[in-house]
Amino acid sequence: MATSEINENASESVNESVSGDVNASGASNLSARSAAATVYYPVAPGQQVNVRRGPNTGSQIVRVLPEDSRIAIRCQTRGETITGPYGTTDIWDSIAPGQYVSDAYVKTGSDGFVTIRCS
């Protein structure tokens, strides 16, 4: 599936899944069930990608993603600047608690953040 298809599908899923109401001041109150559908992004073709404990190459490798993997990004943060198949970036994608992949190896279709920032 092409990145544009992923982004279009994600937008449709978000639009369909967001619910809420408007309070007296006119502000919207989104319900807890308004989370968007999970979007999976492909890692660079032919690459085995290191998953690290933190957003830098000095962090322990906790596992290696096999070639042609697709990942769900739970949040993103800034870390060490990395150059990879998709450019140079300091954005790291959290795929699970304590598991980070450089966004330089993930085809998100953007040079910026595509989801919430990690807290």
PDB file of N, CA and C in Angstrom:
ATOM      1  N   MET A   1       0.852  -1.174   0.000  1.00  0.00           N
ATOM      2  CA  MET A   1       0.000   0.000   0.000  1.00  0.00           C
ATOM      3  C   MET A   1       0.893   1.231   0.000  1.00  0.00           C
ATOM      4  N   ALA A   2       0.631   2.169  -0.848  1.00  0.00           N
ATOM      5  CA  ALA A   2       1.424   3.392  -0.958  1.00  0.00           C
ATOM      6  C   ALA A   2       1.172   4.286   0.241  1.00  0.00           C
ATOM      7  N   THR A   3       2.169   5.140   0.544  1.00  0.00           N
ATOM      8  CA  THR A   3       2.043   6.042   1.681  1.00  0.00           C
ATOM      9  C   THR A   3       0.808   6.908   1.569  1.00  0.00           C
ATOM     10  N   SER A   4       0.506   7.403   0.367  1.00  0.00           N
ATOM     11  CA  SER A   4      -0.674   8.248   0.218  1.00  0.00           C
ATOM     12  C   SER A   4      -1.935   7.471   0.565  1.00  0.00           C
ATOM     13  N   GLU A   5      -1.957   6.172   0.234  1.00  0.00           N
ATOM     14  CA  GLU A   5      -3.106   5.353   0.589  1.00  0.00           C
ATOM     15  C   GLU A   5      -3.193   5.195   2.096  1.00  0.00           C
ATOM     16  N   ILE A   6      -2.045   5.003   2.750  1.00  0.00           N
ATOM     17  CA  ILE A   6      -2.028   4.881   4.204  1.00  0.00           C
ATOM     18  C   ILE A   6      -2.574   6.153   4.822  1.00  0.00           C
ATOM     19  N   ASN A   7      -2.076   7.294   4.369  1.00  0.00           N
ATOM     20  CA  ASN A   7      -2.517   8.560   4.939  1.00  0.00           C
ATOM     21  C   ASN A   7      -3.997   8.808   4.680  1.00  0.00           C
ATOM     22  N   GLU A   8      -4.488   8.485   3.476  1.00  0.00           N
ATOM     23  CA  GLU A   8      -5.906   8.667   3.177  1.00  0.00           C
ATOM     24  C   GLU A   8      -6.752   7.754   4.047  1.00  0.00           C
ATOM     25  N   ASN A   9      -6.319   6.485   4.184  1.00  0.00           N
ATOM     26  CA  ASN A   9      -7.064   5.552   5.016  1.00  0.00           C
ATOM     27  C   ASN A   9      -7.054   5.993   6.466  1.00  0.00           C
ATOM     28  N   ALA A  10      -5.930   6.500   6.934  1.00  0.00           N
ATOM     29  CA  ALA A  10      -5.841   6.969   8.314  1.00  0.00           C
ATOM     30  C   ALA A  10      -6.789   8.132   8.527  1.00  0.00           C
ATOM     31  N   SER A  11      -6.844   9.059   7.570  1.00  0.00           N
ATOM     32  CA  SER A  11      -7.737  10.207   7.697  1.00  0.00           C
ATOM     33  C   SER A  11      -9.184   9.759   7.747  1.00  0.00           C
ATOM     34  N   GLU A  12      -9.537   8.801   6.887  1.00  0.00           N
ATOM     35  CA  GLU A  12     -10.904   8.302   6.894  1.00  0.00           C
ATOM     36  C   GLU A  12     -11.216   7.636   8.222  1.00  0.00           C
ATOM     37  N   SER A  13     -10.268   6.836   8.745  1.00  0.00           N
ATOM     38  CA  SER A  13     -10.487   6.161  10.012  1.00  0.00           C
ATOM     39  C   SER A  13     -10.631   7.157  11.144  1.00  0.00           C
ATOM     40  N   VAL A  14      -9.802   8.192  11.131  1.00  0.00           N
ATOM     41  CA  VAL A  14      -9.885   9.214  12.168  1.00  0.00           C
ATOM     42  C   VAL A  14     -11.240   9.890  12.104  1.00  0.00           C
ATOM     43  N   ASN A  15     -11.669  10.278  10.913  1.00  0.00           N
ATOM     44  CA  ASN A  15     -12.951  10.960  10.774  1.00  0.00           C
ATOM     45  C   ASN A  15     -14.105  10.089  11.234  1.00  0.00           C
ATOM     46  N   GLU A  16     -14.013   8.788  10.984  1.00  0.00           N
ATOM     47  CA  GLU A  16     -15.089   7.896  11.368  1.00  0.00           C
ATOM     48  C   GLU A  16     -15.071   7.582  12.852  1.00  0.00           C
ATOM     49  N   SER A  17     -13.887   7.626  13.493  1.00  0.00           N
ATOM     50  CA  SER A  17     -13.807   7.175  14.873  1.00  0.00           C
ATOM     51  C   SER A  17     -13.883   8.288  15.902  1.00  0.00           C
ATOM     52  N   VAL A  18     -13.774   9.532  15.492  1.00  0.00           N
ATOM     53  CA  VAL A  18     -13.812  10.630  16.446  1.00  0.00           C
ATOM     54  C   VAL A  18     -15.258  10.951  16.781  1.00  0.00           C
ATOM     55  N   SER A  19     -15.540  10.978  18.077  1.00  0.00           N
ATOM     56  CA  SER A  19     -16.880  11.351  18.502  1.00  0.00           C
ATOM     57  C   SER A  19     -16.767  12.287  19.684  1.00  0.00           C
ATOM     58  N   GLY A  20     -17.771  13.049  19.918  1.00  0.00           N
ATOM     59  CA  GLY A  20     -17.757  13.974  21.037  1.00  0.00           C
ATOM     60  C   GLY A  20     -18.965  14.868  20.972  1.00  0.00           C
ATOM     61  N   ASP A  21     -18.988  15.821  21.890  1.00  0.00           N
ATOM     62  CA  ASP A  21     -20.088  16.758  21.882  1.00  0.00           C
ATOM     63  C   ASP A  21     -19.542  18.142  22.163  1.00  0.00           C
ATOM     64  N   VAL A  22     -20.372  19.121  22.001  1.00  0.00           N
ATOM     65  CA  VAL A  22     -19.954  20.502  22.201  1.00  0.00           C
ATOM     66  C   VAL A  22     -20.539  20.993  23.514  1.00  0.00           C
ATOM     67  N   ASN A  23     -19.662  21.581  24.374  1.00  0.00           N
ATOM     68  CA  ASN A  23     -20.149  22.079  25.656  1.00  0.00           C
ATOM     69  C   ASN A  23     -20.737  23.476  25.506  1.00  0.00           C
ATOM     70  N   ALA A  24     -21.175  24.066  26.605  1.00  0.00           N
ATOM     71  CA  ALA A  24     -21.855  25.364  26.565  1.00  0.00           C
ATOM     72  C   ALA A  24     -20.993  26.469  25.962  1.00  0.00           C
ATOM     73  N   SER A  25     -19.670  26.371  26.111  1.00  0.00           N
ATOM     74  CA  SER A  25     -18.792  27.413  25.567  1.00  0.00           C
ATOM     75  C   SER A  25     -18.513  27.208  24.081  1.00  0.00           C
ATOM     76  N   GLY A  26     -19.015  26.105  23.526  1.00  0.00           N
ATOM     77  CA  GLY A  26     -18.797  25.833  22.109  1.00  0.00           C
ATOM     78  C   GLY A  26     -17.582  24.966  21.845  1.00  0.00           C
ATOM     79  N   ALA A  27     -16.841  24.578  22.894  1.00  0.00           N
ATOM     80  CA  ALA A  27     -15.659  23.734  22.720  1.00  0.00           C
ATOM     81  C   ALA A  27     -16.089  22.273  22.619  1.00  0.00           C
ATOM     82  N   SER A  28     -15.359  21.513  21.862  1.00  0.00           N
ATOM     83  CA  SER A  28     -15.681  20.103  21.673  1.00  0.00           C
ATOM     84  C   SER A  28     -15.054  19.268  22.775  1.00  0.00           C
ATOM     85  N   ASN A  29     -15.792  18.300  23.282  1.00  0.00           N
ATOM     86  CA  ASN A  29     -15.285  17.340  24.260  1.00  0.00           C
ATOM     87  C   ASN A  29     -15.196  15.991  23.568  1.00  0.00           C
ATOM     88  N   LEU A  30     -13.982  15.550  23.258  1.00  0.00           N
ATOM     89  CA  LEU A  30     -13.817  14.267  22.588  1.00  0.00           C
ATOM     90  C   LEU A  30     -13.866  13.155  23.612  1.00  0.00           C
ATOM     91  N   SER A  31     -14.523  12.082  23.280  1.00  0.00           N
ATOM     92  CA  SER A  31     -14.611  10.950  24.190  1.00  0.00           C
ATOM     93  C   SER A  31     -13.324  10.142  24.152  1.00  0.00           C
ATOM     94  N   ALA A  32     -13.142   9.291  25.169  1.00  0.00           N
ATOM     95  CA  ALA A  32     -11.941   8.460  25.255  1.00  0.00           C
ATOM     96  C   ALA A  32     -11.870   7.470  24.101  1.00  0.00           C
ATOM     97  N   ARG A  33     -12.988   7.160  23.498  1.00  0.00           N
ATOM     98  CA  ARG A  33     -12.982   6.196  22.400  1.00  0.00           C
ATOM     99  C   ARG A  33     -12.664   6.837  21.062  1.00  0.00           C
ATOM    100  N   SER A  34     -12.133   8.051  21.069  1.00  0.00           N
ATOM    101  CA  SER A  34     -11.863   8.756  19.822  1.00  0.00           C
ATOM    102  C   SER A  34     -10.489   8.465  19.231  1.00  0.00           C
ATOM    103  N   ALA A  35      -9.814   7.462  19.734  1.00  0.00           N
ATOM    104  CA  ALA A  35      -8.495   7.123  19.195  1.00  0.00           C
ATOM    105  C   ALA A  35      -8.620   6.695  17.737  1.00  0.00           C
ATOM    106  N   ALA A  36      -7.649   7.089  16.941  1.00  0.00           N
ATOM    107  CA  ALA A  36      -7.642   6.750  15.516  1.00  0.00           C
ATOM    108  C   ALA A  36      -7.272   5.282  15.333  1.00  0.00           C
ATOM    109  N   ALA A  37      -7.626   4.746  14.196  1.00  0.00           N
ATOM    110  CA  ALA A  37      -7.246   3.379  13.858  1.00  0.00           C
ATOM    111  C   ALA A  37      -5.729   3.292  13.745  1.00  0.00           C
ATOM    112  N   THR A  38      -5.188   2.122  14.021  1.00  0.00           N
ATOM    113  CA  THR A  38      -3.750   1.920  13.950  1.00  0.00           C
ATOM    114  C   THR A  38      -3.284   1.971  12.498  1.00  0.00           C
ATOM    115  N   VAL A  39      -2.225   2.739  12.260  1.00  0.00           N
ATOM    116  CA  VAL A  39      -1.614   2.843  10.932  1.00  0.00           C
ATOM    117  C   VAL A  39      -0.261   2.146  10.995  1.00  0.00           C
ATOM    118  N   TYR A  40       0.020   1.288  10.031  1.00  0.00           N
ATOM    119  CA  TYR A  40       1.298   0.590   9.960  1.00  0.00           C
ATOM    120  C   TYR A  40       2.143   1.197   8.849  1.00  0.00           C
ATOM    121  N   TYR A  41       3.382   1.525   9.194  1.00  0.00           N
ATOM    122  CA  TYR A  41       4.318   2.140   8.255  1.00  0.00           C
ATOM    123  C   TYR A  41       5.410   1.137   7.903  1.00  0.00           C
ATOM    124  N   PRO A  42       5.809   1.065   6.627  1.00  0.00           N
ATOM    125  CA  PRO A  42       6.873   0.139   6.231  1.00  0.00           C
ATOM    126  C   PRO A  42       8.258   0.687   6.583  1.00  0.00           C
ATOM    127  N   VAL A  43       9.145  -0.226   6.987  1.00  0.00           N
ATOM    128  CA  VAL A  43      10.546   0.165   7.142  1.00  0.00           C
ATOM    129  C   VAL A  43      11.186   0.075   5.763  1.00  0.00           C
ATOM    130  N   ALA A  44      12.342   0.681   5.613  1.00  0.00           N
ATOM    131  CA  ALA A  44      13.023   0.729   4.315  1.00  0.00           C
ATOM    132  C   ALA A  44      13.205  -0.682   3.753  1.00  0.00           C
ATOM    133  N   PRO A  45      12.883  -0.867   2.475  1.00  0.00           N
ATOM    134  CA  PRO A  45      13.003  -2.189   1.853  1.00  0.00           C
ATOM    135  C   PRO A  45      14.429  -2.727   1.947  1.00  0.00           C
ATOM    136  N   GLY A  46      14.526  -4.012   2.237  1.00  0.00           N
ATOM    137  CA  GLY A  46      15.828  -4.664   2.291  1.00  0.00           C
ATOM    138  C   GLY A  46      16.651  -4.328   3.523  1.00  0.00           C
ATOM    139  N   GLN A  47      16.055  -3.640   4.489  1.00  0.00           N
ATOM    140  CA  GLN A  47      16.780  -3.233   5.697  1.00  0.00           C
ATOM    141  C   GLN A  47      16.320  -4.045   6.903  1.00  0.00           C
ATOM    142  N   GLN A  48      17.272  -4.483   7.701  1.00  0.00           N
ATOM    143  CA  GLN A  48      16.976  -4.986   9.034  1.00  0.00           C
ATOM    144  C   GLN A  48      17.243  -3.807   9.955  1.00  0.00           C
ATOM    145  N   VAL A  49      16.268  -3.410  10.737  1.00  0.00           N
ATOM    146  CA  VAL A  49      16.366  -2.169  11.500  1.00  0.00           C
ATOM    147  C   VAL A  49      16.488  -2.471  12.993  1.00  0.00           C
ATOM    148  N   ASN A  50      17.493  -1.848  13.622  1.00  0.00           N
ATOM    149  CA  ASN A  50      17.688  -2.006  15.059  1.00  0.00           C
ATOM    150  C   ASN A  50      16.603  -1.272  15.835  1.00  0.00           C
ATOM    151  N   VAL A  51      16.069  -1.943  16.838  1.00  0.00           N
ATOM    152  CA  VAL A  51      15.134  -1.333  17.781  1.00  0.00           C
ATOM    153  C   VAL A  51      15.926  -1.116  19.060  1.00  0.00           C
ATOM    154  N   ARG A  52      15.956   0.124  19.530  1.00  0.00           N
ATOM    155  CA  ARG A  52      16.804   0.477  20.667  1.00  0.00           C
ATOM    156  C   ARG A  52      15.994   0.878  21.892  1.00  0.00           C
ATOM    157  N   ARG A  53      16.629   0.766  23.039  1.00  0.00           N
ATOM    158  CA  ARG A  53      15.999   1.090  24.320  1.00  0.00           C
ATOM    159  C   ARG A  53      15.659   2.578  24.423  1.00  0.00           C
ATOM    160  N   GLY A  54      16.437   3.438  23.777  1.00  0.00           N
ATOM    161  CA  GLY A  54      16.210   4.879  23.797  1.00  0.00           C
ATOM    162  C   GLY A  54      16.429   5.461  22.414  1.00  0.00           C
ATOM    163  N   PRO A  55      16.151   6.761  22.234  1.00  0.00           N
ATOM    164  CA  PRO A  55      16.228   7.393  20.908  1.00  0.00           C
ATOM    165  C   PRO A  55      17.636   7.831  20.500  1.00  0.00           C
ATOM    166  N   ASN A  56      18.581   6.879  20.567  1.00  0.00           N
ATOM    167  CA  ASN A  56      19.962   7.160  20.158  1.00  0.00           C
ATOM    168  C   ASN A  56      20.697   5.848  19.929  1.00  0.00           C
ATOM    169  N   THR A  57      21.785   5.912  19.164  1.00  0.00           N
ATOM    170  CA  THR A  57      22.539   4.699  18.831  1.00  0.00           C
ATOM    171  C   THR A  57      23.379   4.186  19.990  1.00  0.00           C
ATOM    172  N   GLY A  58      23.496   4.970  21.058  1.00  0.00           N
ATOM    173  CA  GLY A  58      24.200   4.512  22.244  1.00  0.00           C
ATOM    174  C   GLY A  58      23.339   3.626  23.128  1.00  0.00           C
ATOM    175  N   SER A  59      22.038   3.599  22.857  1.00  0.00           N
ATOM    176  CA  SER A  59      21.120   2.771  23.643  1.00  0.00           C
ATOM    177  C   SER A  59      21.200   1.315  23.200  1.00  0.00           C
ATOM    178  N   GLN A  60      20.934   0.437  24.138  1.00  0.00           N
ATOM    179  CA  GLN A  60      20.973  -1.003  23.894  1.00  0.00           C
ATOM    180  C   GLN A  60      20.012  -1.402  22.770  1.00  0.00           C
ATOM    181  N   ILE A  61      20.462  -2.317  21.914  1.00  0.00           N
ATOM    182  CA  ILE A  61      19.584  -2.908  20.901  1.00  0.00           C
ATOM    183  C   ILE A  61      18.744  -3.970  21.605  1.00  0.00           C
ATOM    184  N   VAL A  62      17.417  -3.819  21.548  1.00  0.00           N
ATOM    185  CA  VAL A  62      16.538  -4.778  22.216  1.00  0.00           C
ATOM    186  C   VAL A  62      16.029  -5.860  21.264  1.00  0.00           C
ATOM    187  N   ARG A  63      16.010  -5.551  19.985  1.00  0.00           N
ATOM    188  CA  ARG A  63      15.661  -6.534  18.954  1.00  0.00           C
ATOM    189  C   ARG A  63      15.959  -5.932  17.589  1.00  0.00           C
ATOM    190  N   VAL A  64      15.844  -6.738  16.560  1.00  0.00           N
ATOM    191  CA  VAL A  64      16.075  -6.286  15.188  1.00  0.00           C
ATOM    192  C   VAL A  64      14.823  -6.612  14.375  1.00  0.00           C
ATOM    193  N   LEU A  65      14.299  -5.593  13.688  1.00  0.00           N
ATOM    194  CA  LEU A  65      13.138  -5.817  12.821  1.00  0.00           C
ATOM    195  C   LEU A  65      13.605  -6.509  11.549  1.00  0.00           C
ATOM    196  N   PRO A  66      12.928  -7.557  11.125  1.00  0.00           N
ATOM    197  CA  PRO A  66      13.320  -8.226   9.879  1.00  0.00           C
ATOM    198  C   PRO A  66      13.010  -7.364   8.659  1.00  0.00           C
ATOM    199  N   GLU A  67      13.622  -7.716   7.540  1.00  0.00           N
ATOM    200  CA  GLU A  67      13.370  -6.996   6.286  1.00  0.00           C
ATOM    201  C   GLU A  67      11.875  -6.955   5.991  1.00  0.00           C
ATOM    202  N   ASP A  68      11.449  -5.846   5.381  1.00  0.00           N
ATOM    203  CA  ASP A  68      10.062  -5.654   4.946  1.00  0.00           C
ATOM    204  C   ASP A  68       9.048  -5.629   6.090  1.00  0.00           C
ATOM    205  N   SER A  69       9.501  -5.243   7.281  1.00  0.00           N
ATOM    206  CA  SER A  69       8.582  -5.106   8.417  1.00  0.00           C
ATOM    207  C   SER A  69       7.702  -3.880   8.249  1.00  0.00           C
ATOM    208  N   ARG A  70       6.576  -3.895   8.936  1.00  0.00           N
ATOM    209  CA  ARG A  70       5.682  -2.739   9.026  1.00  0.00           C
ATOM    210  C   ARG A  70       5.489  -2.490  10.519  1.00  0.00           C
ATOM    211  N   ILE A  71       5.524  -1.213  10.908  1.00  0.00           N
ATOM    212  CA  ILE A  71       5.427  -0.893  12.330  1.00  0.00           C
ATOM    213  C   ILE A  71       4.278   0.071  12.602  1.00  0.00           C
ATOM    214  N   ALA A  72       3.717  -0.053  13.785  1.00  0.00           N
ATOM    215  CA  ALA A  72       2.747   0.919  14.292  1.00  0.00           C
ATOM    216  C   ALA A  72       3.521   1.863  15.203  1.00  0.00           C
ATOM    217  N   ILE A  73       3.390   3.153  14.975  1.00  0.00           N
ATOM    218  CA  ILE A  73       4.097   4.148  15.789  1.00  0.00           C
ATOM    219  C   ILE A  73       3.158   4.619  16.890  1.00  0.00           C
ATOM    220  N   ARG A  74       3.534   4.389  18.161  1.00  0.00           N
ATOM    221  CA  ARG A  74       2.675   4.810  19.275  1.00  0.00           C
ATOM    222  C   ARG A  74       2.885   6.266  19.629  1.00  0.00           C
ATOM    223  N   CYS A  75       4.121   6.770  19.458  1.00  0.00           N
ATOM    224  CA  CYS A  75       4.434   8.182  19.675  1.00  0.00           C
ATOM    225  C   CYS A  75       5.813   8.448  19.081  1.00  0.00           C
ATOM    226  N   GLN A  76       6.184   9.725  18.996  1.00  0.00           N
ATOM    227  CA  GLN A  76       7.483  10.104  18.434  1.00  0.00           C
ATOM    228  C   GLN A  76       8.168  11.105  19.352  1.00  0.00           C
ATOM    229  N   THR A  77       9.509  11.104  19.299  1.00  0.00           N
ATOM    230  CA  THR A  77      10.299  12.017  20.118  1.00  0.00           C
ATOM    231  C   THR A  77      11.555  12.419  19.359  1.00  0.00           C
ATOM    232  N   ARG A  78      12.200  13.450  19.824  1.00  0.00           N
ATOM    233  CA  ARG A  78      13.481  13.858  19.236  1.00  0.00           C
ATOM    234  C   ARG A  78      14.610  13.131  19.951  1.00  0.00           C
ATOM    235  N   GLY A  79      15.656  12.821  19.186  1.00  0.00           N
ATOM    236  CA  GLY A  79      16.815  12.135  19.741  1.00  0.00           C
ATOM    237  C   GLY A  79      18.021  12.411  18.866  1.00  0.00           C
ATOM    238  N   GLU A  80      18.911  11.440  18.784  1.00  0.00           N
ATOM    239  CA  GLU A  80      20.114  11.565  17.963  1.00  0.00           C
ATOM    240  C   GLU A  80      19.740  11.710  16.486  1.00  0.00           C
ATOM    241  N   THR A  81      20.470  12.559  15.784  1.00  0.00           N
ATOM    242  CA  THR A  81      20.246  12.741  14.347  1.00  0.00           C
ATOM    243  C   THR A  81      20.854  11.567  13.586  1.00  0.00           C
ATOM    244  N   ILE A  82      20.045  10.968  12.712  1.00  0.00           N
ATOM    245  CA  ILE A  82      20.433   9.781  11.951  1.00  0.00           C
ATOM    246  C   ILE A  82      20.170  10.032  10.470  1.00  0.00           C
ATOM    247  N   THR A  83      21.068   9.519   9.615  1.00  0.00           N
ATOM    248  CA  THR A  83      20.848   9.547   8.173  1.00  0.00           C
ATOM    249  C   THR A  83      20.545   8.127   7.716  1.00  0.00           C
ATOM    250  N   GLY A  84      19.455   7.980   6.970  1.00  0.00           N
ATOM    251  CA  GLY A  84      19.048   6.665   6.484  1.00  0.00           C
ATOM    252  C   GLY A  84      18.406   6.784   5.117  1.00  0.00           C
ATOM    253  N   PRO A  85      17.746   5.731   4.670  1.00  0.00           N
ATOM    254  CA  PRO A  85      17.126   5.718   3.340  1.00  0.00           C
ATOM    255  C   PRO A  85      16.089   6.817   3.119  1.00  0.00           C
ATOM    256  N   TYR A  86      15.470   7.297   4.189  1.00  0.00           N
ATOM    257  CA  TYR A  86      14.441   8.332   4.050  1.00  0.00           C
ATOM    258  C   TYR A  86      14.916   9.691   4.543  1.00  0.00           C
ATOM    259  N   GLY A  87      16.227   9.922   4.473  1.00  0.00           N
ATOM    260  CA  GLY A  87      16.762  11.240   4.792  1.00  0.00           C
ATOM    261  C   GLY A  87      17.457  11.301   6.136  1.00  0.00           C
ATOM    262  N   THR A  88      17.709  12.526   6.576  1.00  0.00           N
ATOM    263  CA  THR A  88      18.371  12.791   7.850  1.00  0.00           C
ATOM    264  C   THR A  88      17.349  13.392   8.799  1.00  0.00           C
ATOM    265  N   THR A  89      17.254  12.829   9.996  1.00  0.00           N
ATOM    266  CA  THR A  89      16.249  13.280  10.955  1.00  0.00           C
ATOM    267  C   THR A  89      16.687  13.001  12.386  1.00  0.00           C
ATOM    268  N   ASP A  90      16.125  13.767  13.306  1.00  0.00           N
ATOM    269  CA  ASP A  90      16.329  13.494  14.727  1.00  0.00           C
ATOM    270  C   ASP A  90      15.048  12.934  15.357  1.00  0.00           C
ATOM    271  N   ILE A  91      14.084  12.562  14.528  1.00  0.00           N
ATOM    272  CA  ILE A  91      12.834  11.989  15.023  1.00  0.00           C
ATOM    273  C   ILE A  91      13.004  10.478  15.192  1.00  0.00           C
ATOM    274  N   TRP A  92      12.560   9.991  16.332  1.00  0.00           N
ATOM    275  CA  TRP A  92      12.573   8.565  16.628  1.00  0.00           C
ATOM    276  C   TRP A  92      11.144   8.119  16.905  1.00  0.00           C
ATOM    277  N   ASP A  93      10.802   6.936  16.407  1.00  0.00           N
ATOM    278  CA  ASP A  93       9.460   6.381  16.546  1.00  0.00           C
ATOM    279  C   ASP A  93       9.446   5.346  17.662  1.00  0.00           C
ATOM    280  N   SER A  94       8.542   5.527  18.613  1.00  0.00           N
ATOM    281  CA  SER A  94       8.371   4.538  19.673  1.00  0.00           C
ATOM    282  C   SER A  94       7.363   3.507  19.184  1.00  0.00           C
ATOM    283  N   ILE A  95       7.783   2.241  19.161  1.00  0.00           N
ATOM    284  CA  ILE A  95       6.893   1.183  18.681  1.00  0.00           C
ATOM    285  C   ILE A  95       6.345   0.338  19.827  1.00  0.00           C
ATOM    286  N   ALA A  96       6.900   0.516  21.007  1.00  0.00           N
ATOM    287  CA  ALA A  96       6.452  -0.134  22.241  1.00  0.00           C
ATOM    288  C   ALA A  96       7.186   0.580  23.372  1.00  0.00           C
ATOM    289  N   PRO A  97       6.742   0.425  24.613  1.00  0.00           N
ATOM    290  CA  PRO A  97       7.474   1.085  25.703  1.00  0.00           C
ATOM    291  C   PRO A  97       8.951   0.672  25.701  1.00  0.00           C
ATOM    292  N   GLY A  98       9.847   1.661  25.683  1.00  0.00           N
ATOM    293  CA  GLY A  98      11.282   1.393  25.686  1.00  0.00           C
ATOM    294  C   GLY A  98      11.814   0.799  24.392  1.00  0.00           C
ATOM    295  N   GLN A  99      11.104   1.011  23.267  1.00  0.00           N
ATOM    296  CA  GLN A  99      11.554   0.489  21.973  1.00  0.00           C
ATOM    297  C   GLN A  99      11.430   1.582  20.920  1.00  0.00           C
ATOM    298  N   TYR A 100      12.595   2.018  20.394  1.00  0.00           N
ATOM    299  CA  TYR A 100      12.649   3.137  19.451  1.00  0.00           C
ATOM    300  C   TYR A 100      13.357   2.749  18.162  1.00  0.00           C
ATOM    301  N   VAL A 101      12.844   3.298  17.053  1.00  0.00           N
ATOM    302  CA  VAL A 101      13.425   3.114  15.723  1.00  0.00           C
ATOM    303  C   VAL A 101      13.619   4.501  15.128  1.00  0.00           C
ATOM    304  N   SER A 102      14.771   4.750  14.498  1.00  0.00           N
ATOM    305  CA  SER A 102      14.972   6.042  13.841  1.00  0.00           C
ATOM    306  C   SER A 102      13.984   6.197  12.700  1.00  0.00           C
ATOM    307  N   ASP A 103      13.347   7.371  12.632  1.00  0.00           N
ATOM    308  CA  ASP A 103      12.384   7.661  11.571  1.00  0.00           C
ATOM    309  C   ASP A 103      13.055   7.710  10.196  1.00  0.00           C
ATOM    310  N   ALA A 104      14.387   7.790  10.162  1.00  0.00           N
ATOM    311  CA  ALA A 104      15.125   7.784   8.895  1.00  0.00           C
ATOM    312  C   ALA A 104      14.982   6.446   8.172  1.00  0.00           C
ATOM    313  N   TYR A 105      14.516   5.416   8.882  1.00  0.00           N
ATOM    314  CA  TYR A 105      14.338   4.082   8.306  1.00  0.00           C
ATOM    315  C   TYR A 105      12.872   3.697   8.147  1.00  0.00           C
ATOM    316  N   VAL A 106      11.966   4.655   8.379  1.00  0.00           N
ATOM    317  CA  VAL A 106      10.529   4.373   8.315  1.00  0.00           C
ATOM    318  C   VAL A 106       9.877   5.288   7.283  1.00  0.00           C
ATOM    319  N   LYS A 107       9.106   4.709   6.377  1.00  0.00           N
ATOM    320  CA  LYS A 107       8.442   5.488   5.325  1.00  0.00           C
ATOM    321  C   LYS A 107       7.104   6.014   5.853  1.00  0.00           C
ATOM    322  N   THR A 108       7.166   7.222   6.446  1.00  0.00           N
ATOM    323  CA  THR A 108       5.944   7.836   6.973  1.00  0.00           C
ATOM    324  C   THR A 108       5.319   8.796   5.973  1.00  0.00           C
ATOM    325  N   GLY A 109       6.073   9.172   4.935  1.00  0.00           N
ATOM    326  CA  GLY A 109       5.562  10.133   3.966  1.00  0.00           C
ATOM    327  C   GLY A 109       5.697  11.568   4.428  1.00  0.00           C
ATOM    328  N   SER A 110       6.463  11.790   5.507  1.00  0.00           N
ATOM    329  CA  SER A 110       6.621  13.133   6.061  1.00  0.00           C
ATOM    330  C   SER A 110       8.023  13.301   6.630  1.00  0.00           C
ATOM    331  N   ASP A 111       8.520  14.538   6.593  1.00  0.00           N
ATOM    332  CA  ASP A 111       9.794  14.850   7.243  1.00  0.00           C
ATOM    333  C   ASP A 111       9.578  15.282   8.691  1.00  0.00           C
ATOM    334  N   GLY A 112       8.327  15.394   9.104  1.00  0.00           N
ATOM    335  CA  GLY A 112       8.006  15.842  10.460  1.00  0.00           C
ATOM    336  C   GLY A 112       7.295  14.755  11.245  1.00  0.00           C
ATOM    337  N   PHE A 113       6.719  15.167  12.353  1.00  0.00           N
ATOM    338  CA  PHE A 113       5.977  14.242  13.203  1.00  0.00           C
ATOM    339  C   PHE A 113       4.677  13.828  12.513  1.00  0.00           C
ATOM    340  N   VAL A 114       4.316  12.549  12.638  1.00  0.00           N
ATOM    341  CA  VAL A 114       3.071  12.055  12.050  1.00  0.00           C
ATOM    342  C   VAL A 114       2.078  11.587  13.113  1.00  0.00           C
ATOM    343  N   THR A 115       2.477  11.646  14.364  1.00  0.00           N
ATOM    344  CA  THR A 115       1.597  11.252  15.459  1.00  0.00           C
ATOM    345  C   THR A 115       1.982  12.048  16.703  1.00  0.00           C
ATOM    346  N   ILE A 116       1.414  11.705  17.828  1.00  0.00           N
ATOM    347  CA  ILE A 116       1.662  12.449  19.063  1.00  0.00           C
ATOM    348  C   ILE A 116       3.113  12.312  19.498  1.00  0.00           C
ATOM    349  N   ARG A 117       3.559  13.272  20.290  1.00  0.00           N
ATOM    350  CA  ARG A 117       4.905  13.200  20.865  1.00  0.00           C
ATOM    351  C   ARG A 117       4.876  12.362  22.131  1.00  0.00           C
ATOM    352  N   CYS A 118       5.950  11.610  22.342  1.00  0.00           N
ATOM    353  CA  CYS A 118       6.065  10.819  23.565  1.00  0.00           C
ATOM    354  C   CYS A 118       6.210  11.763  24.753  1.00  0.00           C
ATOM    355  N   SER A 119       5.608  11.387  25.864  1.00  0.00           N
ATOM    356  CA  SER A 119       5.712  12.254  27.052  1.00  0.00           C
ATOM    357  C   SER A 119       6.835  11.810  27.960  1.00  0.00           C
TER     358      SER A 119
END
